[in-house]
Amino acid sequence: MKIGIVGAGAAGLAALRHSLNSGHECLAFEQTDKIGGTWNYTDQTGLDSYGLPIHSSMYQGLLTNLPKELMEYQDFHYDGIDRSFINQEQVLDYVNKFAEHYNLYPHIKFLHHIIKIHPLPNEKWSLREKNLETNKITDHQFDAIMICIGNYSVPKMPVIRGMELLGDKAIHSHFYRKNHAYELKRVLIIGAGPSGTDIAKIVSEVAEKLYISYNTTFFGETRENVIHKPLVEKFEGSKAFFADGSVEEIDNVIYCTGYQYVYPFLTKECGIEVENRWVKYLYKHIVNVEHPTMGFMGITFRVCPFPLFDIQARFFLEFIKNTSKFSKDEMIRDILKDIEDKSASTAQVHQIGNALHQTYFDDLANTVKVEKVRPVIHKLFQSLCGERNVEKNYRILNDEEFIEVN
């Protein structure tokens, strides 16, 4: 088969490695001049030199949300790093070594922007791309397409009365890079997921006051000088009004409110729609039920990312050997049953989380008869229970056991 892969971040590299290993002819298209996707840091925000949106949301001082033991491809390990929670440069170095080890670079077209993907008869695909250096537009035909563009580049903004009047005093975390702009400022962070709590720690080192506003979900922990607040009901000038009736004077706001799934290059004939963060309809969160030779890598969240990319790529490559094995009706029934079993809202359809982590991974392996992810990965992930203590270190002993080490 000839397979087209969109993106050369962590998911795209897993897709490329396994596709080549399965004997397929592959081309991966990367819009930037580097592999690694969101793991690349740049001071730039907004648009790049080609007028395209900056993809990365990386900021200075980031440490991984998960220990590196849960951020490895299945048979390629970090080398020479003792601590478990590592920084952006170490992850990017690991990704580069992975690409070098498996000789992936010759199969990647850098600075190539995807213009359009359109289905052809017999479940083949037309892909039109533009060489950003030469402006040359080229059409390709593929037997299968793997979409690997990540989920952390198009901000999802809340709707809060008066927020439009804040102007440049408020940004989404996608545009946050360094804390120096917030020195001696009164800063409000909205959202307490991984990015919200991490940025709160970093900004609180220089801010006069740091408030973090959230509903019920709080990830990890913050410094002692971070003030916890309920949801913001409205802004009036420099005042933030909270759900408990309290009011605070604010200089700056950082929205850590997540991201949207956006696929501007897919024509409507591809059959993909997005409804409030639900990408419809994807069998096992991967296969486009309308055109099952199109797969999406890394749609799911609250999950171990690198093991996820591995198992999803292996699942899809096995699945496309016989796309008629499961009918469209069967796949849609499976999707709707999954949503019903989880009692998921549309925004939470693609959430996996602790309780379903091994269930989902094992289901992928069992459905198409591929090798399972090691049980120890799920055990370590579940032991963390969404908590993040970057001072802790772990060691995997074997396929079943891990220990905490000093």
Protein backbone atom coordinates (compact mmCIF):
# COMPACT_ATOMS: atom_id res chain seq x y z
CA MET A 1 0.00 0.00 0.00
CA LYS A 2 0.95 3.62 -0.49
CA ILE A 3 0.20 5.54 2.72
CA GLY A 4 0.11 9.31 3.24
CA ILE A 5 0.80 10.57 6.76
CA VAL A 6 -0.14 14.11 7.78
CA GLY A 7 2.23 15.44 10.44
CA ALA A 8 5.63 14.35 11.76
CA GLY A 9 5.10 14.90 15.46
CA ALA A 10 5.18 12.07 17.98
CA ALA A 11 2.06 10.43 16.52
CA GLY A 12 3.16 10.82 12.90
CA LEU A 13 6.55 9.27 13.62
CA ALA A 14 4.90 6.22 15.22
CA ALA A 15 2.61 5.91 12.20
CA LEU A 16 5.56 6.22 9.82
CA ARG A 17 7.73 3.74 11.68
CA HIS A 18 5.04 1.04 11.83
CA SER A 19 3.89 1.66 8.25
CA LEU A 20 7.42 1.19 6.93
CA ASN A 21 7.90 -1.83 9.16
CA SER A 22 4.76 -3.34 7.61
CA GLY A 23 6.25 -2.97 4.14
CA HIS A 24 4.22 0.00 2.95
CA GLU A 25 5.42 2.86 0.77
CA CYS A 26 5.06 5.99 2.86
CA LEU A 27 5.29 9.76 2.68
CA ALA A 28 4.84 11.98 5.73
CA PHE A 29 4.08 15.67 5.21
CA GLU A 30 5.31 18.11 7.84
CA GLN A 31 4.35 21.78 7.69
CA THR A 32 7.42 22.99 9.62
CA ASP A 33 11.11 22.30 9.08
CA LYS A 34 11.40 20.00 12.12
CA ILE A 35 9.95 16.78 13.48
CA GLY A 36 8.43 16.65 16.95
CA GLY A 37 5.32 18.78 16.56
CA THR A 38 4.28 20.46 19.79
CA TRP A 39 7.53 19.42 21.49
CA ASN A 40 9.38 22.14 19.57
CA TYR A 41 9.76 25.39 21.47
CA THR A 42 9.67 28.76 19.71
CA ASP A 43 9.41 32.29 21.03
CA GLN A 44 7.12 33.01 18.10
CA THR A 45 3.36 33.10 18.43
CA GLY A 46 0.65 33.89 15.90
CA LEU A 47 1.78 33.27 12.31
CA ASP A 48 5.04 31.85 11.00
CA SER A 49 7.14 33.26 8.14
CA TYR A 50 4.82 31.55 5.62
CA GLY A 51 1.69 33.12 7.09
CA LEU A 52 0.53 29.87 8.72
CA PRO A 53 -0.48 29.53 12.39
CA ILE A 54 2.33 28.52 14.77
CA HIS A 55 1.51 24.94 15.72
CA SER A 56 3.40 24.53 19.00
CA SER A 57 1.95 25.46 22.39
CA MET A 58 5.26 24.80 24.18
CA TYR A 59 6.39 27.20 26.90
CA GLN A 60 9.58 27.67 28.90
CA GLY A 61 9.84 25.66 32.10
CA LEU A 62 7.45 22.88 31.09
CA LEU A 63 7.91 19.51 32.73
CA THR A 64 6.00 16.48 31.44
CA ASN A 65 2.59 15.73 32.92
CA LEU A 66 3.51 12.05 33.08
CA PRO A 67 6.74 10.27 34.00
CA LYS A 68 8.96 9.45 31.02
CA GLU A 69 8.29 5.76 31.66
CA LEU A 70 4.79 6.41 30.28
CA MET A 71 6.07 8.52 27.39
CA GLU A 72 8.01 5.90 25.46
CA TYR A 73 7.34 4.11 22.21
CA GLN A 74 6.89 0.39 22.82
CA ASP A 75 10.48 -0.75 22.24
CA PHE A 76 12.56 2.42 22.28
CA HIS A 77 13.64 3.76 25.66
CA TYR A 78 15.03 6.99 27.06
CA ASP A 79 18.77 6.72 27.57
CA GLY A 80 20.80 8.17 30.42
CA ILE A 81 18.04 10.10 32.22
CA ASP A 82 17.43 9.20 35.86
CA ARG A 83 14.54 11.47 36.77
CA SER A 84 11.03 10.58 35.64
CA PHE A 85 9.48 14.00 34.99
CA ILE A 86 11.55 15.58 32.25
CA ASN A 87 11.64 18.79 30.24
CA GLN A 88 10.73 19.66 26.68
CA GLU A 89 14.31 19.47 25.37
CA GLN A 90 14.70 15.90 26.67
CA VAL A 91 11.46 14.73 25.05
CA LEU A 92 12.41 16.37 21.75
CA ASP A 93 15.86 14.76 21.87
CA TYR A 94 14.20 11.37 22.44
CA VAL A 95 11.87 11.90 19.46
CA ASN A 96 14.79 12.86 17.23
CA LYS A 97 16.77 9.79 18.29
CA PHE A 98 13.72 7.63 17.52
CA ALA A 99 13.50 9.07 14.00
CA GLU A 100 17.23 8.56 13.44
CA HIS A 101 17.18 5.00 14.79
CA TYR A 102 14.42 3.92 12.42
CA ASN A 103 15.71 6.03 9.50
CA LEU A 104 12.47 7.98 9.16
CA TYR A 105 13.85 11.28 7.82
CA PRO A 106 14.10 10.17 4.15
CA HIS A 107 10.33 9.56 4.18
CA ILE A 108 9.36 13.02 5.50
CA LYS A 109 8.65 16.04 3.29
CA PHE A 110 9.40 19.12 5.41
CA LEU A 111 7.80 22.52 4.80
CA HIS A 112 4.92 20.91 2.92
CA HIS A 113 1.45 22.27 3.72
CA ILE A 114 -1.63 20.12 3.18
CA ILE A 115 -4.20 22.00 1.11
CA LYS A 116 -6.86 19.34 0.54
CA ILE A 117 -7.61 15.68 1.11
CA HIS A 118 -10.48 14.17 -0.85
CA PRO A 119 -11.79 10.59 -1.22
CA LEU A 120 -11.50 8.82 -4.56
CA PRO A 121 -13.31 5.69 -5.80
CA ASN A 122 -12.21 2.33 -4.35
CA GLU A 123 -11.33 3.95 -1.00
CA LYS A 124 -8.28 5.71 -2.36
CA TRP A 125 -7.34 9.29 -1.57
CA SER A 126 -6.30 12.45 -3.34
CA LEU A 127 -3.91 14.66 -1.34
CA ARG A 128 -2.92 18.13 -2.55
CA GLU A 129 0.04 19.80 -0.87
CA LYS A 130 2.12 22.94 -1.28
CA ASN A 131 5.88 23.19 -0.98
CA LEU A 132 6.21 26.29 1.18
CA GLU A 133 9.72 27.09 -0.09
CA THR A 134 8.90 26.93 -3.81
CA ASN A 135 5.09 27.43 -3.76
CA LYS A 136 4.79 24.38 -6.01
CA ILE A 137 1.48 22.53 -5.61
CA THR A 138 1.51 18.75 -6.08
CA ASP A 139 -1.29 16.19 -6.15
CA HIS A 140 -0.70 12.70 -4.75
CA GLN A 141 -2.78 9.54 -4.67
CA PHE A 142 -2.71 7.21 -1.67
CA ASP A 143 -4.33 3.93 -0.67
CA ALA A 144 -4.67 5.07 2.95
CA ILE A 145 -4.33 8.29 4.95
CA MET A 146 -3.22 8.69 8.57
CA ILE A 147 -4.05 12.05 10.20
CA CYS A 148 -1.46 12.84 12.90
CA ILE A 149 -1.70 16.60 13.49
CA GLY A 150 -2.15 16.65 17.27
CA ASN A 151 -4.84 18.27 19.37
CA TYR A 152 -3.01 21.21 20.94
CA SER A 153 -2.80 23.98 18.37
CA VAL A 154 -6.28 25.55 17.92
CA PRO A 155 -7.43 27.22 21.17
CA LYS A 156 -10.86 26.60 22.67
CA MET A 157 -12.03 29.79 24.36
CA PRO A 158 -14.61 30.05 27.14
CA VAL A 159 -17.56 32.39 26.94
CA ILE A 160 -17.48 34.87 29.84
CA ARG A 161 -19.39 38.13 29.90
CA GLY A 162 -17.06 41.10 29.43
CA MET A 163 -14.05 39.05 28.30
CA GLU A 164 -14.00 40.77 24.92
CA LEU A 165 -13.05 44.05 26.63
CA LEU A 166 -9.83 42.65 28.11
CA GLY A 167 -7.97 43.03 24.83
CA ASP A 168 -4.32 42.01 24.88
CA LYS A 169 -4.39 41.65 28.67
CA ALA A 170 -5.86 38.19 28.09
CA ILE A 171 -4.37 35.32 26.07
CA HIS A 172 -4.95 31.61 25.60
CA SER A 173 -2.20 29.35 26.96
CA HIS A 174 -1.36 28.44 23.33
CA PHE A 175 0.27 31.88 23.10
CA TYR A 176 2.01 31.79 26.50
CA ARG A 177 5.80 31.37 26.36
CA LYS A 178 7.61 32.98 29.33
CA ASN A 179 6.68 34.33 32.76
CA HIS A 180 8.64 37.60 32.66
CA ALA A 181 5.70 39.54 31.20
CA TYR A 182 3.76 38.85 34.43
CA GLU A 183 6.32 40.15 36.90
CA LEU A 184 4.54 41.91 39.81
CA LYS A 185 1.20 41.52 38.04
CA ARG A 186 -2.12 40.24 39.40
CA VAL A 187 -2.72 37.24 37.17
CA LEU A 188 -5.81 35.08 36.78
CA ILE A 189 -5.50 31.63 35.22
CA ILE A 190 -8.75 30.04 34.08
CA GLY A 191 -8.65 26.25 33.96
CA ALA A 192 -6.87 23.80 36.25
CA GLY A 193 -5.90 21.00 33.91
CA PRO A 194 -2.26 20.08 33.31
CA SER A 195 -1.39 23.33 31.50
CA GLY A 196 -3.30 25.52 33.94
CA THR A 197 -1.65 24.15 37.07
CA ASP A 198 1.80 24.05 35.46
CA ILE A 199 1.64 27.62 34.15
CA ALA A 200 0.24 28.72 37.53
CA LYS A 201 3.36 27.39 39.23
CA ILE A 202 5.69 29.11 36.79
CA VAL A 203 3.91 32.48 36.70
CA SER A 204 3.43 32.54 40.49
CA GLU A 205 7.23 32.75 40.82
CA VAL A 206 7.14 36.36 39.52
CA ALA A 207 3.52 37.56 39.88
CA GLU A 208 2.32 39.79 42.70
CA LYS A 209 -0.78 37.59 43.01
CA LEU A 210 -1.80 34.45 41.16
CA TYR A 211 -5.41 33.26 41.08
CA ILE A 212 -6.53 30.00 39.49
CA SER A 213 -10.22 29.61 38.63
CA TYR A 214 -11.86 26.28 37.91
CA ASN A 215 -15.04 24.27 38.37
CA THR A 216 -14.38 20.88 39.96
CA THR A 217 -11.44 19.25 38.17
CA PHE A 218 -7.99 20.16 39.45
CA PHE A 219 -4.84 18.49 38.12
CA GLY A 220 -1.79 18.12 40.37
CA GLU A 221 -0.84 20.81 42.84
CA THR A 222 0.25 24.45 42.92
CA ARG A 223 2.58 26.60 45.01
CA GLU A 224 1.36 27.85 48.38
CA ASN A 225 0.95 31.42 47.11
CA VAL A 226 -1.58 30.40 44.44
CA ILE A 227 -5.12 31.46 45.38
CA HIS A 228 -7.89 29.06 44.34
CA LYS A 229 -11.13 30.56 43.04
CA PRO A 230 -14.43 29.24 41.61
CA LEU A 231 -15.60 29.99 38.08
CA VAL A 232 -15.55 33.55 36.73
CA GLU A 233 -19.03 34.89 36.02
CA LYS A 234 -18.06 38.16 34.36
CA PHE A 235 -15.39 40.81 33.84
CA GLU A 236 -15.91 44.52 34.32
CA GLY A 237 -12.84 46.56 33.49
CA SER A 238 -10.02 45.18 35.63
CA LYS A 239 -12.41 43.38 37.98
CA ALA A 240 -13.18 39.66 37.86
CA PHE A 241 -16.45 38.57 39.47
CA PHE A 242 -16.51 34.97 40.75
CA ALA A 243 -19.34 32.51 41.36
CA ASP A 244 -18.95 32.77 45.15
CA GLY A 245 -19.61 36.52 45.04
CA SER A 246 -15.99 37.56 45.48
CA VAL A 247 -14.36 40.21 43.30
CA GLU A 248 -10.65 40.59 42.49
CA GLU A 249 -8.60 43.21 40.66
CA ILE A 250 -6.81 41.57 37.74
CA ASP A 251 -4.03 42.78 35.43
CA ASN A 252 -3.80 39.75 33.14
CA VAL A 253 -5.75 36.59 32.26
CA ILE A 254 -4.44 33.32 30.81
CA TYR A 255 -7.11 30.96 29.48
CA CYS A 256 -5.99 27.35 29.97
CA THR A 257 -9.25 26.06 28.57
CA GLY A 258 -8.16 23.43 26.10
CA TYR A 259 -8.16 23.02 22.36
CA GLN A 260 -10.43 22.22 19.43
CA TYR A 261 -10.24 19.45 16.86
CA VAL A 262 -9.91 21.18 13.48
CA TYR A 263 -9.23 19.61 10.06
CA PRO A 264 -9.48 22.43 7.49
CA PHE A 265 -7.92 20.34 4.71
CA LEU A 266 -10.59 17.60 4.74
CA THR A 267 -13.33 18.09 2.14
CA LYS A 268 -16.91 17.47 3.22
CA GLU A 269 -16.86 14.27 1.16
CA CYS A 270 -14.43 12.83 3.71
CA GLY A 271 -17.46 12.51 5.99
CA ILE A 272 -15.85 13.96 9.12
CA GLU A 273 -17.74 16.41 11.35
CA VAL A 274 -16.74 17.86 14.72
CA GLU A 275 -19.45 18.50 17.30
CA ASN A 276 -18.17 20.12 20.50
CA ARG A 277 -14.88 18.12 20.50
CA TRP A 278 -16.53 14.95 19.24
CA VAL A 279 -14.98 13.88 15.93
CA LYS A 280 -17.73 11.96 14.16
CA TYR A 281 -17.64 9.11 13.48
CA LEU A 282 -14.43 7.31 14.39
CA TYR A 283 -14.45 3.58 15.13
CA LYS A 284 -12.33 2.97 18.23
CA HIS A 285 -11.47 6.71 18.06
CA ILE A 286 -9.37 5.93 14.97
CA VAL A 287 -11.18 4.75 11.82
CA ASN A 288 -13.35 7.06 9.70
CA VAL A 289 -16.49 4.93 9.35
CA GLU A 290 -17.45 6.66 6.08
CA HIS A 291 -14.09 5.89 4.50
CA PRO A 292 -12.26 3.28 6.60
CA THR A 293 -8.90 3.73 4.87
CA MET A 294 -8.56 7.03 6.75
CA GLY A 295 -7.30 6.83 10.33
CA PHE A 296 -6.76 9.44 13.04
CA MET A 297 -3.92 9.04 15.54
CA GLY A 298 -3.97 10.61 18.99
CA ILE A 299 -7.56 11.87 19.15
CA THR A 300 -8.09 10.44 22.65
CA PHE A 301 -6.99 12.31 25.79
CA ARG A 302 -6.28 11.55 29.47
CA VAL A 303 -4.07 8.75 28.24
CA CYS A 304 -0.38 7.78 27.91
CA PRO A 305 0.46 9.45 24.59
CA PHE A 306 3.43 7.55 23.17
CA PRO A 307 2.11 4.04 23.95
CA LEU A 308 -1.22 5.26 22.53
CA PHE A 309 0.35 6.32 19.22
CA ASP A 310 2.05 2.95 18.98
CA ILE A 311 -1.04 0.80 19.55
CA GLN A 312 -3.30 3.02 17.42
CA ALA A 313 -0.90 2.90 14.48
CA ARG A 314 -0.57 -0.88 14.74
CA PHE A 315 -4.37 -1.21 15.04
CA PHE A 316 -5.04 0.87 11.93
CA LEU A 317 -2.42 -0.87 9.80
CA GLU A 318 -3.90 -4.24 10.71
CA PHE A 319 -7.46 -2.95 10.22
CA ILE A 320 -6.88 -1.74 6.64
CA LYS A 321 -5.78 -5.20 5.57
CA ASN A 322 -9.49 -6.02 5.46
CA THR A 323 -11.70 -2.95 5.85
CA SER A 324 -14.84 -4.94 5.04
CA LYS A 325 -14.49 -7.05 8.20
CA PHE A 326 -16.65 -4.56 10.09
CA SER A 327 -19.65 -2.88 8.45
CA LYS A 328 -20.39 0.81 8.87
CA ASP A 329 -23.46 -0.05 10.97
CA GLU A 330 -21.42 -2.31 13.24
CA MET A 331 -18.82 0.38 13.77
CA ILE A 332 -21.38 3.08 14.55
CA ARG A 333 -23.16 0.77 17.02
CA ASP A 334 -19.82 0.20 18.74
CA ILE A 335 -19.22 3.97 18.96
CA LEU A 336 -22.67 4.69 20.40
CA LYS A 337 -22.39 1.85 22.90
CA ASP A 338 -19.06 3.21 24.09
CA ILE A 339 -20.59 6.64 24.61
CA GLU A 340 -23.57 5.16 26.46
CA ASP A 341 -21.36 2.99 28.68
CA LYS A 342 -19.26 6.01 29.65
CA SER A 343 -22.28 8.35 29.94
CA ALA A 344 -20.09 10.77 28.01
CA SER A 345 -21.04 14.26 26.90
CA THR A 346 -19.97 15.23 23.39
CA ALA A 347 -16.93 17.05 24.80
CA GLN A 348 -15.84 13.92 26.68
CA VAL A 349 -16.40 11.27 23.99
CA HIS A 350 -12.67 10.88 23.31
CA GLN A 351 -11.63 10.88 26.98
CA ILE A 352 -10.13 7.61 28.21
CA GLY A 353 -8.84 8.26 31.75
CA ASN A 354 -7.60 5.95 34.50
CA ALA A 355 -10.56 3.60 34.76
CA LEU A 356 -10.71 2.74 31.05
CA HIS A 357 -7.03 2.98 30.13
CA GLN A 358 -6.21 -0.72 29.95
CA THR A 359 -9.71 -1.57 28.72
CA TYR A 360 -9.29 0.68 25.68
CA PHE A 361 -5.75 -0.41 24.85
CA ASP A 362 -6.58 -4.10 25.22
CA ASP A 363 -9.73 -3.70 23.15
CA LEU A 364 -7.67 -2.32 20.28
CA ALA A 365 -5.26 -5.24 20.48
CA ASN A 366 -8.02 -7.86 20.77
CA THR A 367 -10.15 -6.44 17.95
CA VAL A 368 -7.47 -6.85 15.27
CA LYS A 369 -5.19 -9.38 17.01
CA VAL A 370 -2.05 -7.29 17.53
CA GLU A 371 0.39 -7.31 20.46
CA LYS A 372 -0.91 -5.66 23.63
CA VAL A 373 0.75 -2.79 25.46
CA ARG A 374 2.56 -4.04 28.56
CA PRO A 375 0.26 -4.19 31.65
CA VAL A 376 2.83 -2.27 33.72
CA ILE A 377 2.11 0.85 31.63
CA HIS A 378 -1.52 0.82 32.73
CA LYS A 379 -0.63 -0.01 36.34
CA LEU A 380 1.74 2.94 36.64
CA PHE A 381 -0.69 5.29 34.90
CA GLN A 382 -3.56 4.23 37.13
CA SER A 383 -1.42 4.52 40.26
CA LEU A 384 -0.91 8.22 39.55
CA CYS A 385 -4.69 8.85 39.63
CA GLY A 386 -4.27 12.13 37.80
CA GLU A 387 -1.78 13.39 40.39
CA ARG A 388 1.57 14.87 39.41
CA ASN A 389 4.52 15.06 41.77
CA VAL A 390 7.54 15.95 39.67
CA GLU A 391 9.91 15.04 42.51
CA LYS A 392 8.95 11.36 42.33
CA ASN A 393 10.84 8.87 40.18
CA TYR A 394 9.83 5.46 38.90
CA ARG A 395 11.48 2.42 37.42
CA ILE A 396 9.80 -0.27 35.36
CA LEU A 397 11.07 -3.69 36.41
CA ASN A 398 9.30 -5.95 33.93
CA ASP A 399 6.03 -6.21 31.97
CA GLU A 400 4.00 -6.32 35.18
CA GLU A 401 5.88 -4.39 37.88
CA PHE A 402 7.26 -0.95 38.62
CA ILE A 403 8.75 0.67 41.72
CA GLU A 404 9.13 4.17 43.06
CA VAL A 405 12.80 5.07 43.53
CA ASN A 406 14.65 7.86 45.32
